[in-house]
Amino acid sequence: MVSHRSLFIQTPSCESPEEEEEAEEEEEEEEVEEKEEEKEETNRFISAKA
């Protein structure tokens, strides 16, 4: 799976440095949320097995 960041880096950007920073921060927040969701799903799966 290709991460959003590598796509973002490869895409030529017309954004200002400030906008790029904001976009990167948003992507990082999304990644953290995805990891938290995966943890919750794993915990649910473990609970269901127990």
C-alpha atoms as a PDB file:
ATOM      1  CA  MET A   1       0.000   0.000   0.000  1.00  0.00           C
ATOM      2  CA  VAL A   2       1.301   3.434  -0.907  1.00  0.00           C
ATOM      3  CA  SER A   3       1.140   5.973   1.892  1.00  0.00           C
ATOM      4  CA  HIS A   4      -0.497   9.336   1.374  1.00  0.00           C
ATOM      5  CA  ARG A   5       2.766  11.067   2.214  1.00  0.00           C
ATOM      6  CA  SER A   6       4.721   9.525  -0.681  1.00  0.00           C
ATOM      7  CA  LEU A   7       1.945  10.517  -3.092  1.00  0.00           C
ATOM      8  CA  PHE A   8       1.956  14.001  -1.591  1.00  0.00           C
ATOM      9  CA  ILE A   9       5.733  14.334  -2.036  1.00  0.00           C
ATOM     10  CA  GLN A  10       5.616  13.122  -5.663  1.00  0.00           C
ATOM     11  CA  THR A  11       2.829  15.520  -6.613  1.00  0.00           C
ATOM     12  CA  PRO A  12       4.114  18.870  -7.878  1.00  0.00           C
ATOM     13  CA  SER A  13       2.650  21.479  -5.589  1.00  0.00           C
ATOM     14  CA  CYS A  14       1.622  25.085  -6.157  1.00  0.00           C
ATOM     15  CA  GLU A  15       0.878  25.568  -2.469  1.00  0.00           C
ATOM     16  CA  SER A  16       2.738  27.993  -0.265  1.00  0.00           C
ATOM     17  CA  PRO A  17       5.010  26.502   2.445  1.00  0.00           C
ATOM     18  CA  GLU A  18       2.371  27.325   5.085  1.00  0.00           C
ATOM     19  CA  GLU A  19      -0.329  25.432   3.184  1.00  0.00           C
ATOM     20  CA  GLU A  20       2.011  22.487   2.683  1.00  0.00           C
ATOM     21  CA  GLU A  21       2.740  22.356   6.411  1.00  0.00           C
ATOM     22  CA  GLU A  22      -0.972  22.413   7.212  1.00  0.00           C
ATOM     23  CA  ALA A  23      -1.603  19.604   4.723  1.00  0.00           C
ATOM     24  CA  GLU A  24       1.177  17.506   6.263  1.00  0.00           C
ATOM     25  CA  GLU A  25      -0.189  18.069   9.770  1.00  0.00           C
ATOM     26  CA  GLU A  26      -3.660  17.009   8.621  1.00  0.00           C
ATOM     27  CA  GLU A  27      -2.205  13.851   7.069  1.00  0.00           C
ATOM     28  CA  GLU A  28      -0.359  13.024  10.293  1.00  0.00           C
ATOM     29  CA  GLU A  29      -3.579  13.473  12.289  1.00  0.00           C
ATOM     30  CA  GLU A  30      -5.383  11.144   9.871  1.00  0.00           C
ATOM     31  CA  GLU A  31      -2.643   8.525  10.268  1.00  0.00           C
ATOM     32  CA  VAL A  32      -2.921   8.701  14.067  1.00  0.00           C
ATOM     33  CA  GLU A  33      -6.698   8.311  13.855  1.00  0.00           C
ATOM     34  CA  GLU A  34      -6.321   5.298  11.536  1.00  0.00           C
ATOM     35  CA  LYS A  35      -3.884   3.630  13.946  1.00  0.00           C
ATOM     36  CA  GLU A  36      -6.251   4.236  16.870  1.00  0.00           C
ATOM     37  CA  GLU A  37      -9.123   2.700  14.894  1.00  0.00           C
ATOM     38  CA  GLU A  38      -6.976  -0.340  14.095  1.00  0.00           C
ATOM     39  CA  LYS A  39      -6.157  -0.754  17.797  1.00  0.00           C
ATOM     40  CA  GLU A  40      -9.860  -0.581  18.688  1.00  0.00           C
ATOM     41  CA  GLU A  41     -10.700  -3.191  16.031  1.00  0.00           C
ATOM     42  CA  THR A  42      -7.924  -5.462  17.307  1.00  0.00           C
ATOM     43  CA  ASN A  43      -9.157  -5.070  20.897  1.00  0.00           C
ATOM     44  CA  ARG A  44     -12.725  -5.893  19.808  1.00  0.00           C
ATOM     45  CA  PHE A  45     -11.464  -8.956  17.957  1.00  0.00           C
ATOM     46  CA  ILE A  46      -9.499 -10.142  21.014  1.00  0.00           C
ATOM     47  CA  SER A  47     -12.510  -9.521  23.262  1.00  0.00           C
ATOM     48  CA  ALA A  48     -14.760 -11.454  20.895  1.00  0.00           C
ATOM     49  CA  LYS A  49     -12.389 -14.434  20.950  1.00  0.00           C
ATOM     50  CA  ALA A  50     -12.117 -14.476  24.751  1.00  0.00           C
END
